[in-house]
Protein backbone atom coordinates (compact mmCIF):
# COMPACT_ATOMS: atom_id res chain seq x y z
CA MET A 1 58.04 258.92 218.94
CA ARG A 2 58.73 256.03 216.60
CA ARG A 3 61.04 256.76 213.70
CA GLU A 4 58.26 256.16 211.17
CA ASP A 5 56.10 258.81 212.88
CA ILE A 6 58.53 261.68 212.25
CA GLN A 7 58.03 263.65 209.04
CA ILE A 8 61.53 264.73 208.02
CA ARG A 9 63.57 265.53 204.93
CA ASP A 10 67.34 265.83 204.60
CA PRO A 11 68.08 263.96 207.85
CA PHE A 12 71.36 264.53 209.67
CA ILE A 13 72.39 262.40 212.66
CA VAL A 14 75.03 263.38 215.21
CA PRO A 15 76.26 260.68 217.62
CA SER A 16 77.31 262.33 220.88
CA GLY A 17 77.56 261.23 224.52
CA GLY A 18 76.07 257.80 223.88
CA LYS A 19 72.99 259.23 222.16
CA TYR A 20 71.97 260.08 218.62
CA TYR A 21 70.69 263.54 217.72
CA LEU A 22 68.46 263.82 214.64
CA PHE A 23 68.12 267.09 212.69
CA GLY A 24 66.44 267.77 209.35
CA SER A 25 63.94 269.82 207.38
CA THR A 26 60.99 269.56 209.75
CA ASP A 27 58.47 272.26 208.77
CA PRO A 28 55.14 270.68 207.73
CA ASP A 29 55.42 272.28 204.27
CA ILE A 30 58.97 273.33 203.49
CA TRP A 31 58.04 274.47 199.98
CA LYS A 32 55.32 277.07 200.42
CA GLY A 33 54.68 277.56 204.12
CA ARG A 34 56.23 280.19 206.36
CA GLY A 35 59.44 278.93 207.94
CA VAL A 36 59.03 277.74 211.52
CA GLY A 37 62.59 276.64 212.30
CA PHE A 38 64.52 273.44 212.96
CA ASP A 39 63.87 270.77 215.58
CA VAL A 40 66.00 268.02 217.11
CA TRP A 41 65.05 264.52 218.28
CA THR A 42 67.13 262.29 220.55
CA SER A 43 67.50 258.51 220.58
CA ASP A 44 69.14 256.66 223.46
CA GLY A 45 70.63 254.03 221.17
CA ASP A 46 68.28 251.95 219.08
CA LEU A 47 67.52 254.61 216.42
CA ARG A 48 63.92 253.38 216.46
CA GLU A 49 62.45 255.42 219.30
CA PHE A 50 63.10 259.16 219.59
CA GLU A 51 62.33 261.81 222.18
CA GLY A 52 61.26 265.25 221.02
CA PRO A 53 60.91 267.41 219.18
CA LYS A 54 62.91 270.17 220.86
CA ALA A 55 63.35 273.53 219.15
CA ALA A 56 66.95 273.85 217.93
CA PHE A 57 66.45 277.07 215.95
CA ARG A 58 63.69 279.62 215.76
CA PRO A 59 64.17 282.79 213.67
CA PRO A 60 64.83 285.87 215.80
CA ALA A 61 62.95 289.11 215.31
CA GLY A 62 64.00 290.76 212.08
CA PHE A 63 65.49 287.57 210.65
CA TRP A 64 66.27 287.93 206.94
CA SER A 65 64.36 284.84 205.80
CA GLU A 66 60.71 283.82 206.07
CA ARG A 67 60.58 280.70 203.84
CA ASN A 68 62.41 277.55 202.73
CA PHE A 69 64.18 276.55 205.94
CA TRP A 70 66.02 273.50 204.60
CA ALA A 71 68.65 270.84 205.29
CA PRO A 72 70.28 271.68 208.64
CA GLU A 73 73.59 269.94 209.30
CA VAL A 74 75.29 270.21 212.71
CA HIS A 75 79.07 269.92 213.07
CA ALA A 76 81.45 270.16 216.02
CA TYR A 77 84.12 272.78 215.37
CA ARG A 78 86.53 274.54 217.73
CA GLY A 79 84.61 273.94 220.93
CA ALA A 80 81.13 274.81 219.63
CA TRP A 81 78.41 273.42 217.37
CA TYR A 82 77.75 274.92 213.95
CA MET A 83 74.60 274.47 211.90
CA PHE A 84 74.79 274.83 208.12
CA ALA A 85 71.28 275.41 206.75
CA THR A 86 69.54 276.75 203.65
CA PHE A 87 67.24 279.77 203.67
CA LEU A 88 65.44 281.83 201.05
CA VAL A 89 66.56 285.41 201.63
CA THR A 90 63.53 287.72 201.60
CA GLY A 91 63.52 289.63 198.33
CA ALA A 92 66.65 287.90 197.11
CA ARG A 93 68.05 284.41 196.47
CA ARG A 94 68.39 281.17 198.39
CA GLY A 95 71.67 280.39 200.16
CA THR A 96 73.41 278.48 202.94
CA ALA A 97 73.96 280.27 206.24
CA VAL A 98 75.96 279.27 209.31
CA LEU A 99 74.50 279.29 212.83
CA ARG A 100 76.30 278.66 216.13
CA SER A 101 75.47 277.21 219.55
CA ARG A 102 77.44 276.19 222.62
CA GLU A 103 75.09 273.21 223.02
CA LEU A 104 74.37 270.51 220.45
CA THR A 105 70.61 270.92 220.89
CA GLY A 106 70.72 274.70 220.50
CA PRO A 107 69.48 277.30 220.51
CA PHE A 108 71.43 278.13 217.34
CA GLU A 109 72.03 281.74 216.39
CA PRO A 110 73.18 283.21 213.06
CA THR A 111 76.90 284.03 212.80
CA GLY A 112 76.34 286.73 210.19
CA PRO A 113 73.75 288.91 208.44
CA GLY A 114 72.94 286.37 205.73
CA PRO A 115 74.19 283.33 203.80
CA VAL A 116 77.89 282.68 203.29
CA THR A 117 77.26 281.52 199.71
CA PRO A 118 77.38 284.14 196.92
CA PRO A 119 74.40 286.50 197.31
CA ASP A 120 73.61 286.60 193.59
CA TRP A 121 73.64 282.80 193.23
CA GLU A 122 70.83 280.31 193.87
CA CYS A 123 72.51 277.96 196.35
CA LEU A 124 71.49 275.26 198.80
CA ASP A 125 72.58 272.30 200.93
CA GLY A 126 75.95 273.58 202.10
CA THR A 127 78.02 271.18 204.20
CA LEU A 128 81.20 271.68 206.24
CA TYR A 129 84.47 270.06 205.17
CA LEU A 130 87.88 270.35 206.84
CA ASP A 131 90.78 269.61 204.53
CA ARG A 132 93.91 267.77 205.64
CA ALA A 133 95.48 271.06 206.70
CA GLY A 134 92.45 271.78 208.93
CA ARG A 135 91.10 274.59 206.76
CA PRO A 136 87.29 274.92 206.67
CA TRP A 137 85.31 274.80 203.44
CA THR A 138 81.67 274.69 202.52
CA VAL A 139 80.66 272.38 199.69
CA PHE A 140 77.28 273.33 198.26
CA CYS A 141 74.95 273.16 195.26
CA HIS A 142 74.72 275.92 192.68
CA GLU A 143 71.10 275.37 191.71
CA TRP A 144 69.87 274.04 188.38
CA THR A 145 67.17 276.72 188.53
CA GLN A 146 69.89 279.28 187.77
CA VAL A 147 72.56 277.35 185.82
CA GLY A 148 70.53 274.56 184.17
CA ASP A 149 73.07 271.79 184.75
CA GLY A 150 73.30 271.81 188.55
CA GLU A 151 76.77 272.19 190.03
CA ILE A 152 78.67 271.13 193.15
CA ARG A 153 80.97 273.91 194.31
CA ALA A 154 83.56 274.25 197.10
CA MET A 155 84.40 277.54 198.80
CA PRO A 156 86.89 278.29 201.59
CA LEU A 157 85.51 279.85 204.77
CA SER A 158 86.97 282.14 207.40
CA ASP A 159 88.29 280.43 210.52
CA ASP A 160 85.15 281.37 212.45
CA LEU A 161 82.94 280.08 209.57
CA SER A 162 81.09 283.39 209.37
CA LYS A 163 82.00 284.39 205.80
CA ALA A 164 83.60 283.31 202.56
CA ALA A 165 87.40 283.35 202.36
CA GLY A 166 87.74 282.83 198.61
CA ASP A 167 85.88 282.15 195.40
CA PRO A 168 83.73 279.05 194.83
CA ALA A 169 85.51 276.39 192.75
CA LEU A 170 83.59 274.04 190.47
CA LEU A 171 83.95 270.38 191.45
CA PHE A 172 81.55 268.85 188.90
CA ARG A 173 78.18 269.16 187.18
CA ALA A 174 75.22 266.83 187.60
CA SER A 175 75.24 265.62 183.99
CA GLU A 176 78.74 264.14 184.46
CA ALA A 177 77.29 261.19 186.38
CA PRO A 178 76.20 258.30 184.09
CA TRP A 179 73.11 257.58 186.21
CA THR A 180 71.56 261.06 186.12
CA ALA A 181 68.96 262.34 183.66
CA PRO A 182 67.37 265.71 182.92
CA LEU A 183 64.27 266.66 184.87
CA LYS A 184 61.10 265.67 183.09
CA GLY A 185 58.87 268.55 182.07
CA ARG A 186 61.62 271.15 182.50
CA ALA A 187 63.84 273.01 180.06
CA PRO A 188 66.27 270.75 178.18
CA GLY A 189 69.49 270.19 180.09
CA SER A 190 67.97 270.69 183.56
CA TYR A 191 69.94 268.44 185.91
CA VAL A 192 69.64 268.54 189.71
CA THR A 193 72.36 268.48 192.35
CA ASP A 194 71.25 267.97 195.96
CA GLY A 195 72.71 267.28 199.38
CA PRO A 196 76.52 266.99 199.05
CA PHE A 197 78.27 265.20 201.92
CA LEU A 198 81.98 264.31 202.21
CA HIS A 199 83.11 260.97 203.63
CA ARG A 200 86.63 259.53 203.82
CA LEU A 201 87.02 255.75 203.64
CA SER A 202 89.39 253.78 205.87
CA ASP A 203 91.92 253.61 203.00
CA GLY A 204 91.93 257.42 202.69
CA THR A 205 89.69 257.65 199.63
CA LEU A 206 87.56 260.80 199.67
CA LEU A 207 83.96 260.35 198.50
CA LEU A 208 81.38 263.01 197.80
CA LEU A 209 77.82 261.72 198.20
CA TRP A 210 75.10 263.66 196.40
CA SER A 211 71.59 263.21 195.03
CA SER A 212 69.79 263.71 191.72
CA PHE A 213 67.17 262.05 189.49
CA ASP A 214 67.53 259.08 187.16
CA ALA A 215 65.95 258.35 183.77
CA GLU A 216 62.80 257.07 185.48
CA GLY A 217 62.42 260.32 187.36
CA ALA A 218 63.30 258.65 190.68
CA TYR A 219 65.30 260.43 193.38
CA CYS A 220 68.64 258.64 193.92
CA LEU A 221 71.87 258.99 195.89
CA GLY A 222 75.22 258.43 194.23
CA ALA A 223 78.88 259.15 194.86
CA ALA A 224 81.95 260.64 193.22
CA ARG A 225 85.55 259.78 194.13
CA SER A 226 88.40 262.29 194.32
CA GLU A 227 91.38 260.94 192.40
CA GLY A 228 93.64 263.41 194.20
CA GLY A 229 92.21 262.69 197.64
CA GLU A 230 91.09 266.28 198.24
CA LEU A 231 88.50 268.78 197.03
CA ALA A 232 90.52 269.72 193.95
CA GLY A 233 89.80 266.24 192.56
CA PRO A 234 89.54 265.35 189.74
CA TRP A 235 86.18 263.79 190.61
CA ILE A 236 85.23 260.45 189.07
CA GLN A 237 81.53 259.63 189.08
CA GLU A 238 80.33 256.13 189.93
CA GLU A 239 78.40 254.28 187.24
CA LYS A 240 75.35 253.55 189.40
CA PRO A 241 73.79 255.19 192.47
CA ILE A 242 74.34 253.69 195.91
CA VAL A 243 70.62 253.97 196.67
CA ALA A 244 67.89 254.34 194.04
CA GLY A 245 64.12 254.22 193.89
CA GLY A 246 62.95 257.41 195.55
CA ALA A 247 65.45 258.02 198.36
CA GLY A 248 68.15 260.64 198.71
CA HIS A 249 69.82 263.60 200.43
CA GLY A 250 71.94 261.47 202.74
CA MET A 251 74.84 261.55 205.17
CA VAL A 252 77.05 258.88 206.73
CA PHE A 253 77.62 258.18 210.41
CA ARG A 254 78.97 255.29 212.48
CA SER A 255 76.85 253.79 215.24
CA TYR A 256 78.17 253.06 218.71
CA ALA A 257 78.13 249.36 217.74
CA GLY A 258 80.51 250.14 214.87
CA THR A 259 78.01 249.90 211.99
CA LEU A 260 78.34 252.41 209.19
CA PHE A 261 74.95 253.89 208.29
CA LEU A 262 73.60 256.06 205.51
CA ALA A 263 70.78 258.32 206.75
CA LEU A 264 68.48 259.65 204.02
CA HIS A 265 64.83 260.43 203.42
CA SER A 266 62.30 258.33 201.57
CA PRO A 267 59.96 258.70 199.75
CA ASN A 268 60.66 262.05 198.14
CA ARG A 269 57.08 263.29 198.64
CA THR A 270 55.62 265.76 201.11
CA PRO A 271 54.23 264.98 203.69
CA GLU A 272 55.29 261.30 203.46
CA GLU A 273 59.06 261.76 203.93
CA ARG A 274 60.63 259.65 206.66
CA LEU A 275 64.12 258.84 207.92
CA GLU A 276 65.57 255.73 206.30
CA LEU A 277 68.75 254.03 207.53
CA VAL A 278 70.82 251.88 205.17
CA GLU A 279 73.74 249.79 206.46
CA LEU A 280 76.89 250.38 204.43
CA VAL A 281 80.10 248.48 203.74
CA GLU A 282 83.31 249.67 202.13
CA ARG A 283 83.90 247.76 198.93
CA GLY A 284 86.07 248.45 195.89
CA GLY A 285 87.08 251.92 197.01
CA SER A 286 83.49 253.01 197.56
CA LEU A 287 80.39 252.43 199.69
CA ARG A 288 77.72 249.82 199.03
CA ALA A 289 74.46 248.98 200.78
CA ARG A 290 74.92 245.85 202.93
CA TYR A 291 71.38 244.69 202.23
CA ALA A 292 68.94 245.27 199.40
CA ARG A 293 66.39 247.90 200.38
CA GLU A 294 62.70 247.94 199.64
CA VAL A 295 62.05 250.42 196.84
CA THR A 296 59.61 253.17 197.77
CA ALA A 297 58.29 254.78 194.61
């Protein structure tokens, strides 16, 4: 399949063994439809043509979620592959769960009986982060639907990633970024946080990429910088988003040719979402798009 033929939100690309593996929210209707699972596509190198899809996760009998299968990320950790993904717990709240596989392409199986995020919180988009001491954390969104001003939180995990190992610490709120604005048509003070992803620059600077909406109501991706170089921060928000105009929920990877890419979805409309790749450069202690992108409203 050509890249533009794949409907996908929240894309996540894993380079491995000379190939690229593409994961993401792939159900035809991730909002209202029954959850199908997560698929994976493979590209031999050009990131234009992909083979697939192959089923990476399908819910087992008795699985505790039936809807909102969102934002799978796949990380190598201690000799296995771990998928962090969001699910709406039947009869309860949304949260990020951890799944495990011996193979990158799956099948992935849950590591526990539910999400690792707090069960009474509305949470989504958890990512894996290993601090400089090698300790695992999940960084996730505490949803605006519950707290109004959406939050980014960090919580330590057990060594096997199957459960929380401490309380979630607040890193920042969405309204702290100069480029964000409240959601139109919602209660006053409703600010979104989406898709956190940690990336360390070559000079050691730790960035946290995340998405929200600007004053025009457009989906955007911005970044915050940790002054202390670790999760404790303090976190300084950049003045402007890295990518604006209807694109967001991104992650960073380096191609086999050495190019740094931002993978994100655009536009932010179902069923039109597609994978977009933006070349990045390190500049001024942050990341910038190498070329101007065409705005997709």
